[in-house]
Amino acid sequence: MADIRRIKARIRAIAEGNRKNVTVEDIRWVVSNLGRNGYLTKESGTGHLLFRVGNKRFGVCEHNPGSSQIKRCYVDDFIGVMIDLDLYEE
């Protein structure tokens, strides 16, 4: 289990790095570790995933032909939720 400081560092790395180079596994790691730290989390769906952290939701489509990375718009939605939850500051 990662502590909250390590999770915030991973969120910062995603937000401040190349947002076109993020995978579903990066997002999944953050969400699952937030769940282990007391946040209510849920992941559902296949292909188009719906994540919930607390009362915030965001989607990620993992169908990007020829690439394991997800599109930047989904990363931006993820970062927006992390900002709303005070886990990242721009």
C-alpha atoms as a PDB file:
ATOM      1  CA  MET A   1       0.000   0.000   0.000  1.00  0.00           C
ATOM      2  CA  ALA A   2       1.306   3.424  -0.946  1.00  0.00           C
ATOM      3  CA  ASP A   3       0.918   6.294   1.487  1.00  0.00           C
ATOM      4  CA  ILE A   4      -0.905   9.461   0.451  1.00  0.00           C
ATOM      5  CA  ARG A   5       2.358  11.356  -0.211  1.00  0.00           C
ATOM      6  CA  ARG A   6       3.471   8.724  -2.719  1.00  0.00           C
ATOM      7  CA  ILE A   7       0.043   8.793  -4.387  1.00  0.00           C
ATOM      8  CA  LYS A   8       0.168  12.588  -4.677  1.00  0.00           C
ATOM      9  CA  ALA A   9       3.666  12.327  -6.158  1.00  0.00           C
ATOM     10  CA  ARG A  10       2.384   9.872  -8.788  1.00  0.00           C
ATOM     11  CA  ILE A  11      -0.553  12.186  -9.596  1.00  0.00           C
ATOM     12  CA  ARG A  12       1.889  15.099  -9.937  1.00  0.00           C
ATOM     13  CA  ALA A  13       4.109  13.040 -12.259  1.00  0.00           C
ATOM     14  CA  ILE A  14       1.113  12.225 -14.449  1.00  0.00           C
ATOM     15  CA  ALA A  15      -0.110  15.832 -14.485  1.00  0.00           C
ATOM     16  CA  GLU A  16       3.243  17.488 -15.063  1.00  0.00           C
ATOM     17  CA  GLY A  17       4.697  14.884 -17.416  1.00  0.00           C
ATOM     18  CA  ASN A  18       3.697  14.130 -20.956  1.00  0.00           C
ATOM     19  CA  ARG A  19      -0.057  13.611 -20.674  1.00  0.00           C
ATOM     20  CA  LYS A  20      -0.003  11.742 -23.982  1.00  0.00           C
ATOM     21  CA  ASN A  21       2.156   9.031 -22.387  1.00  0.00           C
ATOM     22  CA  VAL A  22      -0.244   7.829 -19.644  1.00  0.00           C
ATOM     23  CA  THR A  23      -1.658   4.313 -19.534  1.00  0.00           C
ATOM     24  CA  VAL A  24      -4.806   2.909 -17.959  1.00  0.00           C
ATOM     25  CA  GLU A  25      -2.540   1.130 -15.476  1.00  0.00           C
ATOM     26  CA  ASP A  26      -1.202   4.510 -14.258  1.00  0.00           C
ATOM     27  CA  ILE A  27      -4.751   5.678 -13.527  1.00  0.00           C
ATOM     28  CA  ARG A  28      -5.732   2.312 -12.048  1.00  0.00           C
ATOM     29  CA  TRP A  29      -2.723   2.402  -9.684  1.00  0.00           C
ATOM     30  CA  VAL A  30      -3.731   5.811  -8.311  1.00  0.00           C
ATOM     31  CA  VAL A  31      -7.405   4.865  -7.875  1.00  0.00           C
ATOM     32  CA  SER A  32      -6.692   1.511  -6.224  1.00  0.00           C
ATOM     33  CA  ASN A  33      -4.187   3.042  -3.795  1.00  0.00           C
ATOM     34  CA  LEU A  34      -6.616   5.824  -2.915  1.00  0.00           C
ATOM     35  CA  GLY A  35      -9.095   3.069  -2.046  1.00  0.00           C
ATOM     36  CA  ARG A  36      -6.513   1.482   0.254  1.00  0.00           C
ATOM     37  CA  ASN A  37      -6.121   4.854   1.971  1.00  0.00           C
ATOM     38  CA  GLY A  38      -9.774   5.273   2.901  1.00  0.00           C
ATOM     39  CA  TYR A  39     -11.296   6.819  -0.220  1.00  0.00           C
ATOM     40  CA  LEU A  40     -14.442   5.242  -1.622  1.00  0.00           C
ATOM     41  CA  THR A  41     -13.417   4.001  -5.071  1.00  0.00           C
ATOM     42  CA  LYS A  42     -14.938   1.937  -7.831  1.00  0.00           C
ATOM     43  CA  GLU A  43     -13.982   0.842 -11.331  1.00  0.00           C
ATOM     44  CA  SER A  44     -16.509  -0.553 -13.768  1.00  0.00           C
ATOM     45  CA  GLY A  45     -16.842  -1.338 -17.441  1.00  0.00           C
ATOM     46  CA  THR A  46     -14.714  -2.841 -20.155  1.00  0.00           C
ATOM     47  CA  GLY A  47     -13.308  -0.861 -23.036  1.00  0.00           C
ATOM     48  CA  HIS A  48     -14.705   2.349 -21.672  1.00  0.00           C
ATOM     49  CA  LEU A  49     -13.947   2.363 -17.966  1.00  0.00           C
ATOM     50  CA  LEU A  50     -15.780   4.436 -15.390  1.00  0.00           C
ATOM     51  CA  PHE A  51     -13.836   5.306 -12.259  1.00  0.00           C
ATOM     52  CA  ARG A  52     -15.263   6.775  -9.081  1.00  0.00           C
ATOM     53  CA  VAL A  53     -13.263   8.341  -6.273  1.00  0.00           C
ATOM     54  CA  GLY A  54     -15.450   9.691  -3.493  1.00  0.00           C
ATOM     55  CA  ASN A  55     -18.399  11.351  -5.202  1.00  0.00           C
ATOM     56  CA  LYS A  56     -16.417  12.269  -8.349  1.00  0.00           C
ATOM     57  CA  ARG A  57     -16.493  10.235 -11.562  1.00  0.00           C
ATOM     58  CA  PHE A  58     -14.422  10.175 -14.713  1.00  0.00           C
ATOM     59  CA  GLY A  59     -14.209   7.906 -17.718  1.00  0.00           C
ATOM     60  CA  VAL A  60     -11.286   6.426 -19.599  1.00  0.00           C
ATOM     61  CA  CYS A  61     -11.559   4.786 -23.000  1.00  0.00           C
ATOM     62  CA  GLU A  62      -8.787   2.248 -23.373  1.00  0.00           C
ATOM     63  CA  HIS A  63      -9.430   1.629 -27.076  1.00  0.00           C
ATOM     64  CA  ASN A  64      -6.717   3.643 -28.770  1.00  0.00           C
ATOM     65  CA  PRO A  65      -5.696   1.535 -31.782  1.00  0.00           C
ATOM     66  CA  GLY A  66      -1.983   0.839 -31.970  1.00  0.00           C
ATOM     67  CA  SER A  67      -1.141   2.369 -28.595  1.00  0.00           C
ATOM     68  CA  SER A  68      -1.230   1.419 -24.919  1.00  0.00           C
ATOM     69  CA  GLN A  69      -1.552   5.086 -23.948  1.00  0.00           C
ATOM     70  CA  ILE A  70      -4.892   6.754 -23.359  1.00  0.00           C
ATOM     71  CA  LYS A  71      -5.921  10.009 -24.998  1.00  0.00           C
ATOM     72  CA  ARG A  72      -5.015  13.274 -23.308  1.00  0.00           C
ATOM     73  CA  CYS A  73      -8.654  14.299 -22.795  1.00  0.00           C
ATOM     74  CA  TYR A  74      -9.137  11.375 -20.384  1.00  0.00           C
ATOM     75  CA  VAL A  75      -5.986  12.291 -18.482  1.00  0.00           C
ATOM     76  CA  ASP A  76      -7.246  15.883 -18.233  1.00  0.00           C
ATOM     77  CA  ASP A  77     -10.541  14.613 -16.747  1.00  0.00           C
ATOM     78  CA  PHE A  78      -8.596  12.495 -14.235  1.00  0.00           C
ATOM     79  CA  ILE A  79      -6.472  15.492 -13.207  1.00  0.00           C
ATOM     80  CA  GLY A  80      -9.616  17.620 -12.832  1.00  0.00           C
ATOM     81  CA  VAL A  81     -11.035  15.089 -10.378  1.00  0.00           C
ATOM     82  CA  MET A  82      -7.745  14.985  -8.450  1.00  0.00           C
ATOM     83  CA  ILE A  83      -7.844  18.799  -8.189  1.00  0.00           C
ATOM     84  CA  ASP A  84     -11.457  18.669  -6.931  1.00  0.00           C
ATOM     85  CA  LEU A  85     -10.395  16.145  -4.265  1.00  0.00           C
ATOM     86  CA  ASP A  86      -7.424  18.340  -3.192  1.00  0.00           C
ATOM     87  CA  LEU A  87      -4.947  15.668  -4.224  1.00  0.00           C
ATOM     88  CA  TYR A  88      -3.225  17.903  -6.783  1.00  0.00           C
ATOM     89  CA  GLU A  89      -2.764  21.650  -7.189  1.00  0.00           C
ATOM     90  CA  GLU A  90      -1.985  23.244 -10.524  1.00  0.00           C
END
